[in-house]
Amino acid sequence: MELKSIKKYETFEELKADKQPVTNYEESIKNHKAFEEFIMLLRANIVTMGGDDGAKTEK
């Protein structure tokens, strides 16, 4: 995976003007699938983590 340099923008208009079209369809599909997989893993992680639902446990 190659890293692209991060460009800083002064205004939102600069960011909008610099949008590059996606020319590699397969690359965009692969990125989308990886993103979906990441979201599924994140959801699974949140479910298994549990959390404080307000119930107090006796020790």
PDB file of N, CA and C in Angstrom:
ATOM      1  N   MET A   1       0.849  -1.190   0.000  1.00  0.00           N
ATOM      2  CA  MET A   1       0.000   0.000   0.000  1.00  0.00           C
ATOM      3  C   MET A   1       0.887   1.243   0.000  1.00  0.00           C
ATOM      4  N   GLU A   2       0.670   2.103  -0.934  1.00  0.00           N
ATOM      5  CA  GLU A   2       1.516   3.293  -0.991  1.00  0.00           C
ATOM      6  C   GLU A   2       0.842   4.451  -0.262  1.00  0.00           C
ATOM      7  N   LEU A   3       1.635   5.223   0.416  1.00  0.00           N
ATOM      8  CA  LEU A   3       1.099   6.364   1.158  1.00  0.00           C
ATOM      9  C   LEU A   3       1.206   7.608   0.287  1.00  0.00           C
ATOM     10  N   LYS A   4       0.157   8.383   0.299  1.00  0.00           N
ATOM     11  CA  LYS A   4       0.185   9.632  -0.443  1.00  0.00           C
ATOM     12  C   LYS A   4       0.428  10.755   0.560  1.00  0.00           C
ATOM     13  N   SER A   5       1.124  11.776   0.101  1.00  0.00           N
ATOM     14  CA  SER A   5       1.396  12.879   1.022  1.00  0.00           C
ATOM     15  C   SER A   5       0.098  13.622   1.331  1.00  0.00           C
ATOM     16  N   ILE A   6       0.009  14.103   2.548  1.00  0.00           N
ATOM     17  CA  ILE A   6      -1.194  14.817   2.972  1.00  0.00           C
ATOM     18  C   ILE A   6      -1.025  16.294   2.637  1.00  0.00           C
ATOM     19  N   LYS A   7      -2.014  16.807   1.946  1.00  0.00           N
ATOM     20  CA  LYS A   7      -1.969  18.205   1.523  1.00  0.00           C
ATOM     21  C   LYS A   7      -2.874  19.007   2.436  1.00  0.00           C
ATOM     22  N   LYS A   8      -2.412  20.159   2.862  1.00  0.00           N
ATOM     23  CA  LYS A   8      -3.236  21.010   3.723  1.00  0.00           C
ATOM     24  C   LYS A   8      -3.909  22.081   2.871  1.00  0.00           C
ATOM     25  N   TYR A   9      -5.148  22.359   3.215  1.00  0.00           N
ATOM     26  CA  TYR A   9      -5.908  23.362   2.481  1.00  0.00           C
ATOM     27  C   TYR A   9      -6.233  24.522   3.411  1.00  0.00           C
ATOM     28  N   GLU A  10      -6.199  25.710   2.837  1.00  0.00           N
ATOM     29  CA  GLU A  10      -6.511  26.902   3.622  1.00  0.00           C
ATOM     30  C   GLU A  10      -8.020  27.090   3.754  1.00  0.00           C
ATOM     31  N   THR A  11      -8.747  26.799   2.672  1.00  0.00           N
ATOM     32  CA  THR A  11     -10.192  27.005   2.689  1.00  0.00           C
ATOM     33  C   THR A  11     -10.909  25.769   2.170  1.00  0.00           C
ATOM     34  N   PHE A  12     -12.189  25.671   2.467  1.00  0.00           N
ATOM     35  CA  PHE A  12     -13.001  24.563   1.980  1.00  0.00           C
ATOM     36  C   PHE A  12     -13.107  24.608   0.449  1.00  0.00           C
ATOM     37  N   GLU A  13     -13.101  25.798  -0.130  1.00  0.00           N
ATOM     38  CA  GLU A  13     -13.188  25.942  -1.588  1.00  0.00           C
ATOM     39  C   GLU A  13     -11.975  25.309  -2.259  1.00  0.00           C
ATOM     40  N   GLU A  14     -10.781  25.470  -1.663  1.00  0.00           N
ATOM     41  CA  GLU A  14      -9.565  24.850  -2.204  1.00  0.00           C
ATOM     42  C   GLU A  14      -9.704  23.338  -2.217  1.00  0.00           C
ATOM     43  N   LEU A  15     -10.226  22.798  -1.136  1.00  0.00           N
ATOM     44  CA  LEU A  15     -10.417  21.351  -1.031  1.00  0.00           C
ATOM     45  C   LEU A  15     -11.373  20.857  -2.108  1.00  0.00           C
ATOM     46  N   LYS A  16     -12.496  21.570  -2.282  1.00  0.00           N
ATOM     47  CA  LYS A  16     -13.472  21.167  -3.290  1.00  0.00           C
ATOM     48  C   LYS A  16     -12.887  21.241  -4.696  1.00  0.00           C
ATOM     49  N   ALA A  17     -12.088  22.268  -4.950  1.00  0.00           N
ATOM     50  CA  ALA A  17     -11.516  22.476  -6.282  1.00  0.00           C
ATOM     51  C   ALA A  17     -10.474  21.402  -6.624  1.00  0.00           C
ATOM     52  N   ASP A  18      -9.855  20.819  -5.607  1.00  0.00           N
ATOM     53  CA  ASP A  18      -8.767  19.862  -5.827  1.00  0.00           C
ATOM     54  C   ASP A  18      -9.242  18.415  -5.940  1.00  0.00           C
ATOM     55  N   LYS A  19     -10.549  18.184  -5.960  1.00  0.00           N
ATOM     56  CA  LYS A  19     -11.054  16.807  -6.016  1.00  0.00           C
ATOM     57  C   LYS A  19     -10.569  16.095  -7.273  1.00  0.00           C
ATOM     58  N   GLN A  20      -9.976  14.920  -7.076  1.00  0.00           N
ATOM     59  CA  GLN A  20      -9.514  14.126  -8.211  1.00  0.00           C
ATOM     60  C   GLN A  20     -10.565  13.064  -8.533  1.00  0.00           C
ATOM     61  N   PRO A  21     -10.915  12.909  -9.799  1.00  0.00           N
ATOM     62  CA  PRO A  21     -11.881  11.866 -10.137  1.00  0.00           C
ATOM     63  C   PRO A  21     -11.267  10.475  -9.953  1.00  0.00           C
ATOM     64  N   VAL A  22     -12.084   9.505  -9.609  1.00  0.00           N
ATOM     65  CA  VAL A  22     -11.587   8.144  -9.468  1.00  0.00           C
ATOM     66  C   VAL A  22     -11.508   7.544 -10.861  1.00  0.00           C
ATOM     67  N   THR A  23     -10.285   7.248 -11.293  1.00  0.00           N
ATOM     68  CA  THR A  23     -10.111   6.703 -12.638  1.00  0.00           C
ATOM     69  C   THR A  23      -9.969   5.186 -12.599  1.00  0.00           C
ATOM     70  N   ASN A  24      -9.553   4.651 -11.469  1.00  0.00           N
ATOM     71  CA  ASN A  24      -9.359   3.212 -11.367  1.00  0.00           C
ATOM     72  C   ASN A  24     -10.549   2.597 -10.631  1.00  0.00           C
ATOM     73  N   TYR A  25     -11.482   2.065 -11.425  1.00  0.00           N
ATOM     74  CA  TYR A  25     -12.720   1.516 -10.878  1.00  0.00           C
ATOM     75  C   TYR A  25     -12.453   0.365  -9.916  1.00  0.00           C
ATOM     76  N   GLU A  26     -11.554  -0.553 -10.311  1.00  0.00           N
ATOM     77  CA  GLU A  26     -11.263  -1.720  -9.470  1.00  0.00           C
ATOM     78  C   GLU A  26     -10.675  -1.300  -8.125  1.00  0.00           C
ATOM     79  N   GLU A  27      -9.830  -0.301  -8.131  1.00  0.00           N
ATOM     80  CA  GLU A  27      -9.218   0.188  -6.892  1.00  0.00           C
ATOM     81  C   GLU A  27     -10.289   0.751  -5.961  1.00  0.00           C
ATOM     82  N   SER A  28     -11.256   1.482  -6.527  1.00  0.00           N
ATOM     83  CA  SER A  28     -12.305   2.062  -5.689  1.00  0.00           C
ATOM     84  C   SER A  28     -13.198   0.973  -5.100  1.00  0.00           C
ATOM     85  N   ILE A  29     -13.460  -0.096  -5.874  1.00  0.00           N
ATOM     86  CA  ILE A  29     -14.268  -1.216  -5.371  1.00  0.00           C
ATOM     87  C   ILE A  29     -13.533  -1.906  -4.228  1.00  0.00           C
ATOM     88  N   LYS A  30     -12.228  -2.127  -4.419  1.00  0.00           N
ATOM     89  CA  LYS A  30     -11.416  -2.793  -3.394  1.00  0.00           C
ATOM     90  C   LYS A  30     -11.411  -1.969  -2.101  1.00  0.00           C
ATOM     91  N   ASN A  31     -11.251  -0.661  -2.242  1.00  0.00           N
ATOM     92  CA  ASN A  31     -11.258   0.225  -1.071  1.00  0.00           C
ATOM     93  C   ASN A  31     -12.609   0.179  -0.375  1.00  0.00           C
ATOM     94  N   HIS A  32     -13.677   0.127  -1.158  1.00  0.00           N
ATOM     95  CA  HIS A  32     -15.022   0.102  -0.586  1.00  0.00           C
ATOM     96  C   HIS A  32     -15.241  -1.192   0.196  1.00  0.00           C
ATOM     97  N   LYS A  33     -14.798  -2.324  -0.381  1.00  0.00           N
ATOM     98  CA  LYS A  33     -14.948  -3.623   0.293  1.00  0.00           C
ATOM     99  C   LYS A  33     -14.151  -3.631   1.596  1.00  0.00           C
ATOM    100  N   ALA A  34     -12.936  -3.088   1.567  1.00  0.00           N
ATOM    101  CA  ALA A  34     -12.100  -3.036   2.768  1.00  0.00           C
ATOM    102  C   ALA A  34     -12.770  -2.167   3.825  1.00  0.00           C
ATOM    103  N   PHE A  35     -13.398  -1.075   3.398  1.00  0.00           N
ATOM    104  CA  PHE A  35     -14.079  -0.184   4.320  1.00  0.00           C
ATOM    105  C   PHE A  35     -15.289  -0.877   4.951  1.00  0.00           C
ATOM    106  N   GLU A  36     -16.058  -1.615   4.127  1.00  0.00           N
ATOM    107  CA  GLU A  36     -17.211  -2.355   4.648  1.00  0.00           C
ATOM    108  C   GLU A  36     -16.769  -3.384   5.680  1.00  0.00           C
ATOM    109  N   GLU A  37     -15.667  -4.079   5.381  1.00  0.00           N
ATOM    110  CA  GLU A  37     -15.145  -5.095   6.297  1.00  0.00           C
ATOM    111  C   GLU A  37     -14.719  -4.437   7.617  1.00  0.00           C
ATOM    112  N   PHE A  38     -14.083  -3.272   7.503  1.00  0.00           N
ATOM    113  CA  PHE A  38     -13.651  -2.535   8.693  1.00  0.00           C
ATOM    114  C   PHE A  38     -14.853  -2.156   9.561  1.00  0.00           C
ATOM    115  N   ILE A  39     -15.931  -1.693   8.927  1.00  0.00           N
ATOM    116  CA  ILE A  39     -17.130  -1.309   9.667  1.00  0.00           C
ATOM    117  C   ILE A  39     -17.747  -2.523  10.358  1.00  0.00           C
ATOM    118  N   MET A  40     -17.777  -3.673   9.661  1.00  0.00           N
ATOM    119  CA  MET A  40     -18.333  -4.887  10.278  1.00  0.00           C
ATOM    120  C   MET A  40     -17.511  -5.301  11.486  1.00  0.00           C
ATOM    121  N   LEU A  41     -16.187  -5.248  11.355  1.00  0.00           N
ATOM    122  CA  LEU A  41     -15.315  -5.600  12.480  1.00  0.00           C
ATOM    123  C   LEU A  41     -15.521  -4.627  13.639  1.00  0.00           C
ATOM    124  N   LEU A  42     -15.680  -3.357  13.311  1.00  0.00           N
ATOM    125  CA  LEU A  42     -15.887  -2.334  14.334  1.00  0.00           C
ATOM    126  C   LEU A  42     -17.194  -2.589  15.084  1.00  0.00           C
ATOM    127  N   ARG A  43     -18.260  -2.908  14.331  1.00  0.00           N
ATOM    128  CA  ARG A  43     -19.549  -3.202  14.958  1.00  0.00           C
ATOM    129  C   ARG A  43     -19.441  -4.415  15.873  1.00  0.00           C
ATOM    130  N   ALA A  44     -18.778  -5.468  15.385  1.00  0.00           N
ATOM    131  CA  ALA A  44     -18.617  -6.696  16.168  1.00  0.00           C
ATOM    132  C   ALA A  44     -17.836  -6.398  17.441  1.00  0.00           C
ATOM    133  N   ASN A  45     -16.826  -5.569  17.315  1.00  0.00           N
ATOM    134  CA  ASN A  45     -15.987  -5.200  18.453  1.00  0.00           C
ATOM    135  C   ASN A  45     -16.806  -4.441  19.496  1.00  0.00           C
ATOM    136  N   ILE A  46     -17.637  -3.528  19.043  1.00  0.00           N
ATOM    137  CA  ILE A  46     -18.465  -2.736  19.964  1.00  0.00           C
ATOM    138  C   ILE A  46     -19.453  -3.641  20.692  1.00  0.00           C
ATOM    139  N   VAL A  47     -20.050  -4.603  19.968  1.00  0.00           N
ATOM    140  CA  VAL A  47     -21.019  -5.517  20.574  1.00  0.00           C
ATOM    141  C   VAL A  47     -20.359  -6.386  21.635  1.00  0.00           C
ATOM    142  N   THR A  48     -19.166  -6.918  21.321  1.00  0.00           N
ATOM    143  CA  THR A  48     -18.503  -7.821  22.269  1.00  0.00           C
ATOM    144  C   THR A  48     -17.881  -7.063  23.443  1.00  0.00           C
ATOM    145  N   MET A  49     -17.589  -5.774  23.245  1.00  0.00           N
ATOM    146  CA  MET A  49     -16.998  -4.991  24.321  1.00  0.00           C
ATOM    147  C   MET A  49     -17.987  -4.757  25.458  1.00  0.00           C
ATOM    148  N   GLY A  50     -19.261  -4.683  25.102  1.00  0.00           N
ATOM    149  CA  GLY A  50     -20.256  -4.401  26.125  1.00  0.00           C
ATOM    150  C   GLY A  50     -20.163  -2.946  26.525  1.00  0.00           C
ATOM    151  N   GLY A  51     -20.057  -2.716  27.802  1.00  0.00           N
ATOM    152  CA  GLY A  51     -19.955  -1.342  28.261  1.00  0.00           C
ATOM    153  C   GLY A  51     -20.796  -1.151  29.499  1.00  0.00           C
ATOM    154  N   ASP A  52     -20.753   0.032  30.048  1.00  0.00           N
ATOM    155  CA  ASP A  52     -21.516   0.316  31.257  1.00  0.00           C
ATOM    156  C   ASP A  52     -22.935   0.684  30.860  1.00  0.00           C
ATOM    157  N   ASP A  53     -23.868  -0.211  31.124  1.00  0.00           N
ATOM    158  CA  ASP A  53     -25.262   0.079  30.781  1.00  0.00           C
ATOM    159  C   ASP A  53     -26.024   0.608  31.998  1.00  0.00           C
ATOM    160  N   GLY A  54     -25.288   0.974  33.006  1.00  0.00           N
ATOM    161  CA  GLY A  54     -25.918   1.550  34.188  1.00  0.00           C
ATOM    162  C   GLY A  54     -26.173   0.537  35.287  1.00  0.00           C
ATOM    163  N   ALA A  55     -26.005  -0.737  34.983  1.00  0.00           N
ATOM    164  CA  ALA A  55     -26.263  -1.770  35.994  1.00  0.00           C
ATOM    165  C   ALA A  55     -25.066  -1.871  36.943  1.00  0.00           C
ATOM    166  N   LYS A  56     -25.356  -1.908  38.203  1.00  0.00           N
ATOM    167  CA  LYS A  56     -24.281  -2.034  39.196  1.00  0.00           C
ATOM    168  C   LYS A  56     -24.098  -3.513  39.530  1.00  0.00           C
ATOM    169  N   THR A  57     -22.849  -3.946  39.561  1.00  0.00           N
ATOM    170  CA  THR A  57     -22.586  -5.356  39.898  1.00  0.00           C
ATOM    171  C   THR A  57     -22.083  -5.437  41.333  1.00  0.00           C
ATOM    172  N   GLU A  58     -22.565  -6.411  42.051  1.00  0.00           N
ATOM    173  CA  GLU A  58     -22.137  -6.620  43.434  1.00  0.00           C
ATOM    174  C   GLU A  58     -20.829  -7.383  43.449  1.00  0.00           C
ATOM    175  N   LYS A  59     -19.928  -6.986  44.343  1.00  0.00           N
ATOM    176  CA  LYS A  59     -18.648  -7.701  44.435  1.00  0.00           C
ATOM    177  C   LYS A  59     -18.625  -8.529  45.683  1.00  0.00           C
TER     178      LYS A  59
END
